[in-house]
Structures are given as structure tokens and as C-alpha cells.
Amino acid sequence: MQRRTTMMAAQFLAFWAVYPALCLGQAPDRDDAPTAAPAQARTPAAAERAEQGGAASRQAGAPAKPVNPANMEWLLEKWEHQSSLLKTLDVTILRVDQNPAWDELEYYEGRALFKSPNLAFIDFNKIKQNEKKKPVEDPQRRGKWLSTPFERIICTGEEVWQYKSDTQQIFIYPLGKNEKKKAIEEGPLPFLFNMHAEDARQRYQMSLISEDAKGYGVSITPKLQEDKESFSIAFVNLDRRFLLPVRIMLKSPDGKSLKDFRLGPMYPNRVVNDKNFEGKPLGSPWKIVRNPAGEDRPRAGANRARHDGQGAPATARPRADAIER
């Protein structure tokens, strides 16, 4: 376990070393909000080139800049403060899933909207790959990828609605009183919104493992069993100026697979339409499955079960570009 952790930390540090400087754009002036956001997430091809560059850095034995682990407490307090300024967040996502046991490498493009205190909209389309597992460009849309609807998760504040395109089912999970407060933190994208320092101290062992002009690298190991069921270890890249995560890597509980989220562009405190946070039934052939116990709702790093002969993605499901304005 220690060796796997060290190897993953090395990969994380190598990526951080080659990650290009963030381009920051001016947002509307507000006294209670960050004024800019990190640049756009890279394409799958660019992400692959960065990983190759990271491997070259490791082979060359490039020394890592020493950090003071004691600064983690200071960083955690600053992270919580910056997070408290966020009332909404709109972010574009490139997600890469790696599962060596199944010889799988999958790409997803997505969008996430958050609104304080506990509203969320997370949508992923699966990017088509060729026989060499390379992403396929859309011939009709320059600079875009061929993709199909995969999954949409909506937290209404009272329930979590999970739309699964492969089975054409909508799973509805009610949230208890305590669950409402932490539904976003325990969802598929933790550490991105509503960061609370004291809660983080109780639930995670957090270590500062890198620091440079671009930002900070943090490793996160869960302490509680309920969090260990979501991921075994996580690594987060924080933008230095705004302390917004620009990359989140989640190792599965069994340590056999990895979810890698590249985040950006981000739009802090942009006005978002509340209709995006409403769970809505879809017409036939979609079916609704209610889970009164609220168990098995989408969580960070957890892999969906594999099923043979799953149905094709449903054409009736709304795509990511159907977000309400």
C-alpha cells in the first residue's frame, strides 16, 4: 500500500511540474467572491502528452521542490475561507478513468454546477474511442469529440437523482437531515465545493506534498470507514491564487482503478438557473427506481458494477448542452 501511495504521489508531482501556467480571466467584480478562474481543461490528447512529459521528468530524476508539511494547517484554513466565498460554481470537466485489471482507459467530458448550500448538477458524456483507445474527434464540430450521454447526477437538496443512460433508469435517493449537509462533499466530486476545515481534519489525513508558483499539491487519505468505501487515497491540485482545485485524482477503495478529473474553465459565483437542480422524470423507455433507504447513491471514486449486454445510451436523455440558462 505504501509503495502504491508513493508511486501515485510521484505521478501527481510530475504532472504538477509540467502543468502549464494558468491563464486567468477577469470576472465581474464582487466583494464576496473570487474575481477569476483557472483556464480551460486540456483535451484528452493534451492530457496524454502531459503524462508522457511527467514520465520523462521522473526518468530524468528531476528533484521535487521541498515543502514544509506544517503549512498544511495554514493551507486548510485558507482553503476553507476561499470556499466560503463561493455561492455558486460552474466548471467544465475532462475525466479519465483507468482500470488496468480490465485493460480499460475511458474518457468523459462533463459539466458541473453547484449552488450553496447543497445543490448540485453533474453531467458526463462518454467520449468515443477508436480501436487504439484514442478519443475520436467529431467531424461535424471542429475541436469537439464524438460522445454519447453517460450519466447525470442532480442533488435537489432533498434527494439525489441519478440518470443512467446505459440502462435507461433514474435512481432516486432521499437525503436524511444530516446527509443534506454533506451530500456535495460525499458526492462524485469531493473537495471542489463547500470545504470545511474541521470536518476535513476529522475525516482525512491531509498532507502538503508540493508547492510552487502555480499552486499546491495535497494528498488525502480517508480515516472513516464510510469514506474508505469511496476512495483509498486522493490527490488534489489547488490553484495558488484562488485555491480552487484544478485536478482531483481518486484511487478506488480496492486500489485497482483511478478516476482523474481535470477541471476548468471555472466560473465562480456565476448566476445559475435553479431549474438545473430539479429532478425530472423522462419519457419511455426510461424507468424510475426509488431507493427509500438512500443507499448506494453516487459517491467519490466508487466504480459502477460491470454488466454485460447493457443497453446503448438513450437518445431521449438530455445532453450536457441542454443546461438551463
C-alpha atoms as a PDB file:
ATOM      1  CA  MET A   1       0.000   0.000   0.000  1.00  0.00           C
ATOM      2  CA  GLN A   2       2.824   2.396   0.904  1.00  0.00           C
ATOM      3  CA  ARG A   3       4.553   1.672  -2.422  1.00  0.00           C
ATOM      4  CA  ARG A   4       1.351   2.346  -4.398  1.00  0.00           C
ATOM      5  CA  THR A   5       0.869   5.599  -2.491  1.00  0.00           C
ATOM      6  CA  THR A   6       4.439   6.691  -3.203  1.00  0.00           C
ATOM      7  CA  MET A   7       4.119   5.868  -6.907  1.00  0.00           C
ATOM      8  CA  MET A   8       0.861   7.779  -7.214  1.00  0.00           C
ATOM      9  CA  ALA A   9       2.338  10.767  -5.388  1.00  0.00           C
ATOM     10  CA  ALA A  10       5.256  10.716  -7.838  1.00  0.00           C
ATOM     11  CA  GLN A  11       2.827  10.748 -10.773  1.00  0.00           C
ATOM     12  CA  PHE A  12       0.952  13.616  -9.183  1.00  0.00           C
ATOM     13  CA  LEU A  13       4.133  15.644  -8.620  1.00  0.00           C
ATOM     14  CA  ALA A  14       5.350  15.013 -12.157  1.00  0.00           C
ATOM     15  CA  PHE A  15       2.067  16.282 -13.576  1.00  0.00           C
ATOM     16  CA  TRP A  16       2.251  19.369 -11.373  1.00  0.00           C
ATOM     17  CA  ALA A  17       5.762  20.082 -12.640  1.00  0.00           C
ATOM     18  CA  VAL A  18       4.705  20.090 -16.309  1.00  0.00           C
ATOM     19  CA  TYR A  19       1.258  21.666 -15.885  1.00  0.00           C
ATOM     20  CA  PRO A  20       1.220  24.900 -17.919  1.00  0.00           C
ATOM     21  CA  ALA A  21       0.803  28.269 -16.261  1.00  0.00           C
ATOM     22  CA  LEU A  22      -2.823  29.073 -15.539  1.00  0.00           C
ATOM     23  CA  CYS A  23      -4.431  31.727 -17.693  1.00  0.00           C
ATOM     24  CA  LEU A  24      -6.742  33.756 -15.536  1.00  0.00           C
ATOM     25  CA  GLY A  25      -9.597  35.850 -16.870  1.00  0.00           C
ATOM     26  CA  GLN A  26     -11.341  38.713 -15.138  1.00  0.00           C
ATOM     27  CA  ALA A  27     -14.816  38.006 -13.763  1.00  0.00           C
ATOM     28  CA  PRO A  28     -17.414  40.509 -12.557  1.00  0.00           C
ATOM     29  CA  ASP A  29     -16.210  42.410  -9.519  1.00  0.00           C
ATOM     30  CA  ARG A  30     -17.714  41.267  -6.233  1.00  0.00           C
ATOM     31  CA  ASP A  31     -16.568  41.921  -2.704  1.00  0.00           C
ATOM     32  CA  ASP A  32     -17.528  38.411  -1.583  1.00  0.00           C
ATOM     33  CA  ALA A  33     -16.203  36.349  -4.470  1.00  0.00           C
ATOM     34  CA  PRO A  34     -13.044  35.312  -6.325  1.00  0.00           C
ATOM     35  CA  THR A  35     -12.505  37.501  -9.378  1.00  0.00           C
ATOM     36  CA  ALA A  36     -11.078  34.968 -11.797  1.00  0.00           C
ATOM     37  CA  ALA A  37     -10.924  31.293 -12.631  1.00  0.00           C
ATOM     38  CA  PRO A  38      -8.354  28.780 -13.885  1.00  0.00           C
ATOM     39  CA  ALA A  39      -8.025  28.180 -17.603  1.00  0.00           C
ATOM     40  CA  GLN A  40      -9.762  25.566 -19.690  1.00  0.00           C
ATOM     41  CA  ALA A  41      -9.130  21.877 -19.069  1.00  0.00           C
ATOM     42  CA  ARG A  42      -6.990  20.249 -21.714  1.00  0.00           C
ATOM     43  CA  THR A  43      -8.180  17.826 -24.352  1.00  0.00           C
ATOM     44  CA  PRO A  44      -7.559  14.083 -23.905  1.00  0.00           C
ATOM     45  CA  ALA A  45      -4.621  14.287 -26.319  1.00  0.00           C
ATOM     46  CA  ALA A  46      -3.047  17.180 -24.409  1.00  0.00           C
ATOM     47  CA  ALA A  47      -3.572  15.343 -21.146  1.00  0.00           C
ATOM     48  CA  GLU A  48      -1.788  12.306 -22.570  1.00  0.00           C
ATOM     49  CA  ARG A  49       1.149  14.458 -23.699  1.00  0.00           C
ATOM     50  CA  ALA A  50       1.423  15.933 -20.206  1.00  0.00           C
ATOM     51  CA  GLU A  51       1.527  12.463 -18.673  1.00  0.00           C
ATOM     52  CA  GLN A  52       4.304  11.492 -21.108  1.00  0.00           C
ATOM     53  CA  GLY A  53       6.174  14.646 -20.136  1.00  0.00           C
ATOM     54  CA  GLY A  54       5.714  13.733 -16.487  1.00  0.00           C
ATOM     55  CA  ALA A  55       7.175  10.288 -17.135  1.00  0.00           C
ATOM     56  CA  ALA A  56      10.186  11.898 -18.807  1.00  0.00           C
ATOM     57  CA  SER A  57      10.685  14.148 -15.781  1.00  0.00           C
ATOM     58  CA  ARG A  58      10.624  11.142 -13.468  1.00  0.00           C
ATOM     59  CA  GLN A  59      13.131   9.270 -15.623  1.00  0.00           C
ATOM     60  CA  ALA A  60      15.417  12.291 -15.630  1.00  0.00           C
ATOM     61  CA  GLY A  61      15.258  12.318 -11.852  1.00  0.00           C
ATOM     62  CA  ALA A  62      14.073  15.935 -11.636  1.00  0.00           C
ATOM     63  CA  PRO A  63      14.231  16.948  -7.964  1.00  0.00           C
ATOM     64  CA  ALA A  64      10.995  17.990  -6.287  1.00  0.00           C
ATOM     65  CA  LYS A  65      10.899  21.337  -4.524  1.00  0.00           C
ATOM     66  CA  PRO A  66      10.969  20.719  -0.764  1.00  0.00           C
ATOM     67  CA  VAL A  67       7.842  21.707   1.136  1.00  0.00           C
ATOM     68  CA  ASN A  68       7.082  22.376   4.769  1.00  0.00           C
ATOM     69  CA  PRO A  69       4.366  19.879   5.836  1.00  0.00           C
ATOM     70  CA  ALA A  70       3.444  22.191   8.709  1.00  0.00           C
ATOM     71  CA  ASN A  71       1.980  24.590   6.150  1.00  0.00           C
ATOM     72  CA  MET A  72      -0.921  22.170   5.624  1.00  0.00           C
ATOM     73  CA  GLU A  73      -2.824  23.654   8.546  1.00  0.00           C
ATOM     74  CA  TRP A  74      -2.402  27.170   7.187  1.00  0.00           C
ATOM     75  CA  LEU A  75      -3.446  25.989   3.725  1.00  0.00           C
ATOM     76  CA  LEU A  76      -6.509  24.188   5.062  1.00  0.00           C
ATOM     77  CA  GLU A  77      -7.744  27.341   6.793  1.00  0.00           C
ATOM     78  CA  LYS A  78      -7.162  29.433   3.658  1.00  0.00           C
ATOM     79  CA  TRP A  79      -8.882  26.762   1.530  1.00  0.00           C
ATOM     80  CA  GLU A  80     -11.934  26.857   3.804  1.00  0.00           C
ATOM     81  CA  HIS A  81     -12.038  30.672   3.659  1.00  0.00           C
ATOM     82  CA  GLN A  82     -11.889  30.774  -0.132  1.00  0.00           C
ATOM     83  CA  SER A  83     -14.517  28.050  -0.363  1.00  0.00           C
ATOM     84  CA  SER A  84     -16.823  30.049   1.904  1.00  0.00           C
ATOM     85  CA  LEU A  85     -16.797  32.855  -0.687  1.00  0.00           C
ATOM     86  CA  LEU A  86     -18.281  30.558  -3.306  1.00  0.00           C
ATOM     87  CA  LYS A  87     -22.051  30.771  -3.600  1.00  0.00           C
ATOM     88  CA  THR A  88     -22.129  29.056  -6.992  1.00  0.00           C
ATOM     89  CA  LEU A  89     -19.598  27.333  -9.228  1.00  0.00           C
ATOM     90  CA  ASP A  90     -19.781  26.389 -12.913  1.00  0.00           C
ATOM     91  CA  VAL A  91     -16.974  24.112 -14.138  1.00  0.00           C
ATOM     92  CA  THR A  92     -16.081  22.125 -17.256  1.00  0.00           C
ATOM     93  CA  ILE A  93     -14.511  18.691 -16.688  1.00  0.00           C
ATOM     94  CA  LEU A  94     -12.332  16.224 -18.544  1.00  0.00           C
ATOM     95  CA  ARG A  95     -12.410  12.875 -16.727  1.00  0.00           C
ATOM     96  CA  VAL A  96     -10.118   9.923 -17.413  1.00  0.00           C
ATOM     97  CA  ASP A  97     -10.903   6.506 -15.894  1.00  0.00           C
ATOM     98  CA  GLN A  98      -8.110   3.930 -15.709  1.00  0.00           C
ATOM     99  CA  ASN A  99      -8.794   0.290 -14.834  1.00  0.00           C
ATOM    100  CA  PRO A 100      -5.723  -1.863 -15.599  1.00  0.00           C
ATOM    101  CA  ALA A 101      -7.437  -5.038 -14.367  1.00  0.00           C
ATOM    102  CA  TRP A 102      -9.912  -4.749 -17.272  1.00  0.00           C
ATOM    103  CA  ASP A 103      -7.368  -3.099 -19.586  1.00  0.00           C
ATOM    104  CA  GLU A 104      -9.656  -0.060 -19.717  1.00  0.00           C
ATOM    105  CA  LEU A 105      -8.909   3.582 -20.397  1.00  0.00           C
ATOM    106  CA  GLU A 106     -12.026   5.714 -20.801  1.00  0.00           C
ATOM    107  CA  TYR A 107     -12.543   9.424 -21.405  1.00  0.00           C
ATOM    108  CA  TYR A 108     -15.501  11.583 -20.419  1.00  0.00           C
ATOM    109  CA  GLU A 109     -16.355  15.243 -20.950  1.00  0.00           C
ATOM    110  CA  GLY A 110     -18.626  16.910 -18.464  1.00  0.00           C
ATOM    111  CA  ARG A 111     -20.054  19.922 -16.754  1.00  0.00           C
ATOM    112  CA  ALA A 112     -20.840  20.588 -13.101  1.00  0.00           C
ATOM    113  CA  LEU A 113     -22.904  23.287 -11.422  1.00  0.00           C
ATOM    114  CA  PHE A 114     -23.023  23.886  -7.670  1.00  0.00           C
ATOM    115  CA  LYS A 115     -25.051  26.250  -5.545  1.00  0.00           C
ATOM    116  CA  SER A 116     -24.758  26.774  -1.803  1.00  0.00           C
ATOM    117  CA  PRO A 117     -25.655  25.126   0.440  1.00  0.00           C
ATOM    118  CA  ASN A 118     -26.359  21.729  -1.154  1.00  0.00           C
ATOM    119  CA  LEU A 119     -27.496  21.921  -4.782  1.00  0.00           C
ATOM    120  CA  ALA A 120     -25.522  20.142  -7.499  1.00  0.00           C
ATOM    121  CA  PHE A 121     -25.745  19.183 -11.169  1.00  0.00           C
ATOM    122  CA  ILE A 122     -23.051  16.874 -12.598  1.00  0.00           C
ATOM    123  CA  ASP A 123     -23.219  15.568 -16.158  1.00  0.00           C
ATOM    124  CA  PHE A 124     -20.880  13.301 -18.131  1.00  0.00           C
ATOM    125  CA  ASN A 125     -20.824  12.247 -21.772  1.00  0.00           C
ATOM    126  CA  LYS A 126     -18.580   9.321 -22.715  1.00  0.00           C
ATOM    127  CA  ILE A 127     -16.066  10.137 -25.454  1.00  0.00           C
ATOM    128  CA  LYS A 128     -15.926   7.591 -28.277  1.00  0.00           C
ATOM    129  CA  GLN A 129     -12.580   5.835 -28.784  1.00  0.00           C
ATOM    130  CA  ASN A 130     -11.049   4.079 -31.781  1.00  0.00           C
ATOM    131  CA  GLU A 131      -9.502   0.607 -31.815  1.00  0.00           C
ATOM    132  CA  LYS A 132      -6.312   2.062 -30.307  1.00  0.00           C
ATOM    133  CA  LYS A 133      -8.350   3.618 -27.471  1.00  0.00           C
ATOM    134  CA  LYS A 134      -7.684   7.121 -28.752  1.00  0.00           C
ATOM    135  CA  PRO A 135     -10.505   9.691 -28.489  1.00  0.00           C
ATOM    136  CA  VAL A 136     -12.403  10.254 -31.743  1.00  0.00           C
ATOM    137  CA  GLU A 137     -12.962  13.803 -32.976  1.00  0.00           C
ATOM    138  CA  ASP A 138     -16.382  14.888 -34.178  1.00  0.00           C
ATOM    139  CA  PRO A 139     -16.137  15.592 -37.935  1.00  0.00           C
ATOM    140  CA  GLN A 140     -19.121  17.928 -37.687  1.00  0.00           C
ATOM    141  CA  ARG A 141     -17.785  20.050 -34.829  1.00  0.00           C
ATOM    142  CA  ARG A 142     -14.254  21.388 -35.009  1.00  0.00           C
ATOM    143  CA  GLY A 143     -12.270  20.807 -31.828  1.00  0.00           C
ATOM    144  CA  LYS A 144     -15.020  18.646 -30.304  1.00  0.00           C
ATOM    145  CA  TRP A 145     -15.215  14.938 -29.530  1.00  0.00           C
ATOM    146  CA  LEU A 146     -17.743  12.330 -30.544  1.00  0.00           C
ATOM    147  CA  SER A 147     -19.556  11.482 -27.334  1.00  0.00           C
ATOM    148  CA  THR A 148     -22.739   9.894 -26.055  1.00  0.00           C
ATOM    149  CA  PRO A 149     -24.737  10.578 -22.867  1.00  0.00           C
ATOM    150  CA  PHE A 150     -23.421   8.549 -19.951  1.00  0.00           C
ATOM    151  CA  GLU A 151     -24.589   9.778 -16.555  1.00  0.00           C
ATOM    152  CA  ARG A 152     -26.241  12.773 -14.912  1.00  0.00           C
ATOM    153  CA  ILE A 153     -26.472  13.374 -11.160  1.00  0.00           C
ATOM    154  CA  ILE A 154     -28.693  16.039  -9.628  1.00  0.00           C
ATOM    155  CA  CYS A 155     -28.819  16.917  -5.945  1.00  0.00           C
ATOM    156  CA  THR A 156     -32.060  18.790  -5.275  1.00  0.00           C
ATOM    157  CA  GLY A 157     -31.293  19.396  -1.608  1.00  0.00           C
ATOM    158  CA  GLU A 158     -33.855  16.775  -0.619  1.00  0.00           C
ATOM    159  CA  GLU A 159     -32.962  13.917  -2.975  1.00  0.00           C
ATOM    160  CA  VAL A 160     -30.250  12.711  -5.336  1.00  0.00           C
ATOM    161  CA  TRP A 161     -31.400  11.828  -8.871  1.00  0.00           C
ATOM    162  CA  GLN A 162     -29.032   9.630 -10.873  1.00  0.00           C
ATOM    163  CA  TYR A 163     -29.729   9.207 -14.597  1.00  0.00           C
ATOM    164  CA  LYS A 164     -28.008   6.104 -16.065  1.00  0.00           C
ATOM    165  CA  SER A 165     -28.056   6.130 -19.851  1.00  0.00           C
ATOM    166  CA  ASP A 166     -26.762   2.588 -20.330  1.00  0.00           C
ATOM    167  CA  THR A 167     -29.744   1.061 -18.513  1.00  0.00           C
ATOM    168  CA  GLN A 168     -32.224   3.902 -19.148  1.00  0.00           C
ATOM    169  CA  GLN A 169     -33.018   4.143 -15.447  1.00  0.00           C
ATOM    170  CA  ILE A 170     -33.395   7.023 -12.994  1.00  0.00           C
ATOM    171  CA  PHE A 171     -32.405   6.184  -9.418  1.00  0.00           C
ATOM    172  CA  ILE A 172     -33.783   8.451  -6.694  1.00  0.00           C
ATOM    173  CA  TYR A 173     -32.140   8.524  -3.256  1.00  0.00           C
ATOM    174  CA  PRO A 174     -33.696  10.528  -0.404  1.00  0.00           C
ATOM    175  CA  LEU A 175     -31.377  12.509   1.863  1.00  0.00           C
ATOM    176  CA  GLY A 176     -31.686  12.414   5.637  1.00  0.00           C
ATOM    177  CA  LYS A 177     -31.258  15.524   7.772  1.00  0.00           C
ATOM    178  CA  ASN A 178     -27.528  15.025   8.296  1.00  0.00           C
ATOM    179  CA  GLU A 179     -26.977  13.798   4.743  1.00  0.00           C
ATOM    180  CA  LYS A 180     -28.356  17.025   3.286  1.00  0.00           C
ATOM    181  CA  LYS A 181     -25.472  18.961   4.823  1.00  0.00           C
ATOM    182  CA  LYS A 182     -22.765  16.779   3.298  1.00  0.00           C
ATOM    183  CA  ALA A 183     -24.352  15.472   0.101  1.00  0.00           C
ATOM    184  CA  ILE A 184     -21.988  17.508  -2.116  1.00  0.00           C
ATOM    185  CA  GLU A 185     -18.856  16.722  -0.095  1.00  0.00           C
ATOM    186  CA  GLU A 186     -19.606  12.994  -0.335  1.00  0.00           C
ATOM    187  CA  GLY A 187     -20.670  13.102  -3.981  1.00  0.00           C
ATOM    188  CA  PRO A 188     -18.719  12.167  -7.116  1.00  0.00           C
ATOM    189  CA  LEU A 189     -16.623  15.391  -6.972  1.00  0.00           C
ATOM    190  CA  PRO A 190     -15.413  15.927  -3.385  1.00  0.00           C
ATOM    191  CA  PHE A 191     -13.098  18.793  -2.319  1.00  0.00           C
ATOM    192  CA  LEU A 192     -14.458  21.076  -5.068  1.00  0.00           C
ATOM    193  CA  PHE A 193     -17.190  22.924  -3.173  1.00  0.00           C
ATOM    194  CA  ASN A 194     -18.089  23.542   0.498  1.00  0.00           C
ATOM    195  CA  MET A 195     -14.706  22.743   2.041  1.00  0.00           C
ATOM    196  CA  HIS A 196     -14.863  22.780   5.877  1.00  0.00           C
ATOM    197  CA  ALA A 197     -11.531  22.594   7.701  1.00  0.00           C
ATOM    198  CA  GLU A 198     -12.701  20.966  10.948  1.00  0.00           C
ATOM    199  CA  ASP A 199     -14.746  18.368   9.114  1.00  0.00           C
ATOM    200  CA  ALA A 200     -11.755  17.626   6.869  1.00  0.00           C
ATOM    201  CA  ARG A 201      -9.480  17.135   9.902  1.00  0.00           C
ATOM    202  CA  GLN A 202     -11.857  14.590  11.384  1.00  0.00           C
ATOM    203  CA  ARG A 203     -12.367  12.643   8.179  1.00  0.00           C
ATOM    204  CA  TYR A 204      -8.996  12.765   6.395  1.00  0.00           C
ATOM    205  CA  GLN A 205      -5.250  12.658   6.852  1.00  0.00           C
ATOM    206  CA  MET A 206      -4.146  15.555   4.639  1.00  0.00           C
ATOM    207  CA  SER A 207      -0.541  16.255   3.678  1.00  0.00           C
ATOM    208  CA  LEU A 208       1.048  19.049   1.662  1.00  0.00           C
ATOM    209  CA  ILE A 209       3.309  17.289  -0.849  1.00  0.00           C
ATOM    210  CA  SER A 210       4.149  20.019  -3.370  1.00  0.00           C
ATOM    211  CA  GLU A 211       4.207  23.797  -3.653  1.00  0.00           C
ATOM    212  CA  ASP A 212       5.356  26.141  -6.413  1.00  0.00           C
ATOM    213  CA  ALA A 213       4.386  29.334  -8.221  1.00  0.00           C
ATOM    214  CA  LYS A 214       1.308  27.655  -9.728  1.00  0.00           C
ATOM    215  CA  GLY A 215      -0.171  26.214  -6.573  1.00  0.00           C
ATOM    216  CA  TYR A 216      -0.258  23.393  -4.055  1.00  0.00           C
ATOM    217  CA  GLY A 217      -0.440  19.612  -4.167  1.00  0.00           C
ATOM    218  CA  VAL A 218      -2.281  17.810  -1.367  1.00  0.00           C
ATOM    219  CA  SER A 219      -2.595  14.091  -0.636  1.00  0.00           C
ATOM    220  CA  ILE A 220      -5.746  12.961   1.177  1.00  0.00           C
ATOM    221  CA  THR A 221      -6.254   9.616   2.932  1.00  0.00           C
ATOM    222  CA  PRO A 222      -9.661   8.812   4.480  1.00  0.00           C
ATOM    223  CA  LYS A 223      -9.870   7.965   8.185  1.00  0.00           C
ATOM    224  CA  LEU A 224     -13.509   6.884   8.425  1.00  0.00           C
ATOM    225  CA  GLN A 225     -14.836   3.621   7.054  1.00  0.00           C
ATOM    226  CA  GLU A 226     -17.617   5.356   5.115  1.00  0.00           C
ATOM    227  CA  ASP A 227     -15.029   7.434   3.249  1.00  0.00           C
ATOM    228  CA  LYS A 228     -12.751   4.434   2.716  1.00  0.00           C
ATOM    229  CA  GLU A 229     -15.655   2.858   0.833  1.00  0.00           C
ATOM    230  CA  SER A 230     -15.470   5.756  -1.640  1.00  0.00           C
ATOM    231  CA  PHE A 231     -11.710   6.028  -2.263  1.00  0.00           C
ATOM    232  CA  SER A 232      -8.441   4.795  -0.773  1.00  0.00           C
ATOM    233  CA  ILE A 233      -6.395   7.928  -1.447  1.00  0.00           C
ATOM    234  CA  ALA A 234      -6.852  11.205  -3.317  1.00  0.00           C
ATOM    235  CA  PHE A 235      -4.568  13.883  -4.704  1.00  0.00           C
ATOM    236  CA  VAL A 236      -5.728  17.451  -5.297  1.00  0.00           C
ATOM    237  CA  ASN A 237      -4.040  20.293  -7.207  1.00  0.00           C
ATOM    238  CA  LEU A 238      -5.048  23.716  -5.865  1.00  0.00           C
ATOM    239  CA  ASP A 239      -4.629  26.912  -7.870  1.00  0.00           C
ATOM    240  CA  ARG A 240      -2.385  29.188  -5.804  1.00  0.00           C
ATOM    241  CA  ARG A 241      -4.381  32.392  -6.117  1.00  0.00           C
ATOM    242  CA  PHE A 242      -7.948  31.187  -5.600  1.00  0.00           C
ATOM    243  CA  LEU A 243      -7.370  27.759  -4.010  1.00  0.00           C
ATOM    244  CA  LEU A 244      -9.753  26.147  -6.477  1.00  0.00           C
ATOM    245  CA  PRO A 245      -8.986  22.515  -7.377  1.00  0.00           C
ATOM    246  CA  VAL A 246      -7.756  22.228 -10.967  1.00  0.00           C
ATOM    247  CA  ARG A 247      -7.207  18.469 -10.754  1.00  0.00           C
ATOM    248  CA  ILE A 248      -8.617  15.732  -8.500  1.00  0.00           C
ATOM    249  CA  MET A 249      -7.318  12.146  -8.632  1.00  0.00           C
ATOM    250  CA  LEU A 250      -9.257   9.429  -6.766  1.00  0.00           C
ATOM    251  CA  LYS A 251      -7.932   5.909  -6.240  1.00  0.00           C
ATOM    252  CA  SER A 252     -10.670   3.290  -5.862  1.00  0.00           C
ATOM    253  CA  PRO A 253     -11.190   1.554  -2.487  1.00  0.00           C
ATOM    254  CA  ASP A 254      -9.524  -1.619  -3.765  1.00  0.00           C
ATOM    255  CA  GLY A 255      -6.638   0.356  -5.255  1.00  0.00           C
ATOM    256  CA  LYS A 256      -7.168  -1.145  -8.712  1.00  0.00           C
ATOM    257  CA  SER A 257      -8.600   1.815 -10.628  1.00  0.00           C
ATOM    258  CA  LEU A 258      -8.263   5.578 -10.823  1.00  0.00           C
ATOM    259  CA  LYS A 259     -10.568   8.462 -11.670  1.00  0.00           C
ATOM    260  CA  ASP A 260      -8.737  11.572 -12.831  1.00  0.00           C
ATOM    261  CA  PHE A 261     -10.680  14.855 -13.077  1.00  0.00           C
ATOM    262  CA  ARG A 262      -9.092  17.809 -14.943  1.00  0.00           C
ATOM    263  CA  LEU A 263     -11.112  20.911 -14.107  1.00  0.00           C
ATOM    264  CA  GLY A 264     -11.617  24.176 -15.982  1.00  0.00           C
ATOM    265  CA  PRO A 265     -12.582  26.666 -17.094  1.00  0.00           C
ATOM    266  CA  MET A 266     -14.311  27.617 -13.850  1.00  0.00           C
ATOM    267  CA  TYR A 267     -16.773  30.430 -13.242  1.00  0.00           C
ATOM    268  CA  PRO A 268     -17.130  31.257  -9.525  1.00  0.00           C
ATOM    269  CA  ASN A 269     -20.352  32.951  -8.450  1.00  0.00           C
ATOM    270  CA  ARG A 270     -21.861  32.986 -11.917  1.00  0.00           C
ATOM    271  CA  VAL A 271     -25.659  33.135 -11.909  1.00  0.00           C
ATOM    272  CA  VAL A 272     -27.072  29.632 -12.425  1.00  0.00           C
ATOM    273  CA  ASN A 273     -30.653  28.674 -13.149  1.00  0.00           C
ATOM    274  CA  ASP A 274     -32.285  26.758 -10.280  1.00  0.00           C
ATOM    275  CA  LYS A 275     -34.128  24.601 -12.809  1.00  0.00           C
ATOM    276  CA  ASN A 276     -30.852  22.716 -13.288  1.00  0.00           C
ATOM    277  CA  PHE A 277     -31.236  21.347  -9.762  1.00  0.00           C
ATOM    278  CA  GLU A 278     -34.691  19.865 -10.303  1.00  0.00           C
ATOM    279  CA  GLY A 279     -35.061  16.122 -10.715  1.00  0.00           C
ATOM    280  CA  LYS A 280     -37.384  15.377 -13.626  1.00  0.00           C
ATOM    281  CA  PRO A 281     -38.824  12.094 -14.946  1.00  0.00           C
ATOM    282  CA  LEU A 282     -38.131  11.240 -18.583  1.00  0.00           C
ATOM    283  CA  GLY A 283     -40.476   9.560 -21.014  1.00  0.00           C
ATOM    284  CA  SER A 284     -40.455   5.924 -22.103  1.00  0.00           C
ATOM    285  CA  PRO A 285     -38.314   3.806 -22.105  1.00  0.00           C
ATOM    286  CA  TRP A 286     -36.843   5.429 -19.002  1.00  0.00           C
ATOM    287  CA  LYS A 287     -37.858   3.876 -15.678  1.00  0.00           C
ATOM    288  CA  ILE A 288     -37.720   5.344 -12.168  1.00  0.00           C
ATOM    289  CA  VAL A 289     -36.237   3.292  -9.335  1.00  0.00           C
ATOM    290  CA  ARG A 290     -36.712   4.709  -5.846  1.00  0.00           C
ATOM    291  CA  ASN A 291     -34.364   3.756  -3.033  1.00  0.00           C
ATOM    292  CA  PRO A 292     -36.154   4.597   0.240  1.00  0.00           C
ATOM    293  CA  ALA A 293     -33.075   3.709   2.322  1.00  0.00           C
ATOM    294  CA  GLY A 294     -30.929   6.154   0.368  1.00  0.00           C
ATOM    295  CA  GLU A 295     -28.189   3.518  -0.031  1.00  0.00           C
ATOM    296  CA  ASP A 296     -25.736   3.187  -2.910  1.00  0.00           C
ATOM    297  CA  ARG A 297     -26.112   6.765  -4.096  1.00  0.00           C
ATOM    298  CA  PRO A 298     -23.245   8.109  -6.270  1.00  0.00           C
ATOM    299  CA  ARG A 299     -20.056   8.731  -4.289  1.00  0.00           C
ATOM    300  CA  ALA A 300     -16.495   9.786  -4.955  1.00  0.00           C
ATOM    301  CA  GLY A 301     -14.266   7.262  -6.697  1.00  0.00           C
ATOM    302  CA  ALA A 302     -16.739   4.386  -6.475  1.00  0.00           C
ATOM    303  CA  ASN A 303     -16.924   2.359  -9.667  1.00  0.00           C
ATOM    304  CA  ARG A 304     -20.201   1.233 -11.120  1.00  0.00           C
ATOM    305  CA  ALA A 305     -20.677  -2.506 -11.467  1.00  0.00           C
ATOM    306  CA  ARG A 306     -19.870  -4.042 -14.829  1.00  0.00           C
ATOM    307  CA  HIS A 307     -22.760  -5.601 -16.717  1.00  0.00           C
ATOM    308  CA  ASP A 308     -22.581  -7.482 -19.986  1.00  0.00           C
ATOM    309  CA  GLY A 309     -25.048  -6.635 -22.704  1.00  0.00           C
ATOM    310  CA  GLN A 310     -26.031  -3.226 -21.334  1.00  0.00           C
ATOM    311  CA  GLY A 311     -28.307  -1.168 -23.476  1.00  0.00           C
ATOM    312  CA  ALA A 312     -26.999   1.574 -25.745  1.00  0.00           C
ATOM    313  CA  PRO A 313     -27.081   5.161 -24.476  1.00  0.00           C
ATOM    314  CA  ALA A 314     -30.597   6.536 -24.623  1.00  0.00           C
ATOM    315  CA  THR A 315     -31.316   9.188 -27.199  1.00  0.00           C
ATOM    316  CA  ALA A 316     -34.080  10.664 -25.047  1.00  0.00           C
ATOM    317  CA  ARG A 317     -31.678  11.699 -22.322  1.00  0.00           C
ATOM    318  CA  PRO A 318     -30.820  15.412 -22.333  1.00  0.00           C
ATOM    319  CA  ARG A 319     -27.221  16.206 -23.270  1.00  0.00           C
ATOM    320  CA  ALA A 320     -24.853  18.490 -21.361  1.00  0.00           C
ATOM    321  CA  ASP A 321     -25.525  21.409 -23.719  1.00  0.00           C
ATOM    322  CA  ALA A 322     -29.177  21.434 -22.603  1.00  0.00           C
ATOM    323  CA  ILE A 323     -28.322  23.220 -19.347  1.00  0.00           C
ATOM    324  CA  GLU A 324     -30.902  25.788 -18.351  1.00  0.00           C
ATOM    325  CA  ARG A 325     -29.769  29.404 -18.593  1.00  0.00           C
END
